[in-house]
Amino acid sequence: MNSIKTPKADLERKKTTFFLIGLVFSLLLAYFAINIKSYEKQKVTLMQQQVENTPEEMVPITEQKVKPPPPPPPKTVTQIKIVSNDVKIDDNVDIDVGANMNTKVEEYTPPVQEEDVQQQPVFVVVEQMPHFPGGEKALMKYLATHIKYPALAKESGIQGRVFINFVVEPNGKIDHVKVLRGIGGGCDEEAVRVVEGMPRWIPGRQRGKPVRVSFNLPIKFTLE
């Protein structure tokens, strides 16, 4: 039985065409392969040249300055001052041999210099206020016996109270006498004179120590 083929189905006739197509395809593959290798090689060469031509960065060396240690403290030198041995020392000490536990010892009060007293503050109210020796009755008696009624005040009929302010010092002395409110006629001056002539008071005390205290004293002038 003979097979019948159409001219289009005859592959022998197209053998040459297929061979040429395959050859062209092979050449194209070879061309692309050569170009890819050359590109990669050229790329690597450029990268190497770039690395080789890159200048080295010089890192500046910074100098670290170290602060010098602080100087040692100056040496303290003890100076000994030699004084003359002409100071007299009171070696007389009274010792009570018969003293016992029941013996009363008076509190020692150091002497106060006049300059130091003037620099001390003046109190108005203290724990123990100053008072006239003998109390208020003794003060009233002293004023009554020492005040002389001024003649001008008698003739003018002036009477009333003169308010005197003064400072009782730590030693009891009366100082800084002044008139706070007067009535005139010579009564103010008479009140100041009598107060300045008063004996020393018992000084005021604050925390057990004598202090300066400001005191106000009204003196009454009455005509009989």
Foldseek 3Di string as FASTA:
>chain_A
DDDDDDPVPDCVVCPVVVVVVVVVVVVVVVVVVVVVVVVVVVVVVVVVVVVVPDDDDDDDDDDDDDDDDDDDDDDDDDDDDDDDPPDDDDPDDDDDPPDDPPDDDDDDDDDDDPVNQVPFDAAADAPFAWAAVPGDVVVVVLCVVQFDDAPQCVVVVFWFKWKWKWKQTLVQQTHDIDTPDDGDSCPRVRVSVSVNPGDGINAGDHPRGGHIYMDMDIDTGDDD
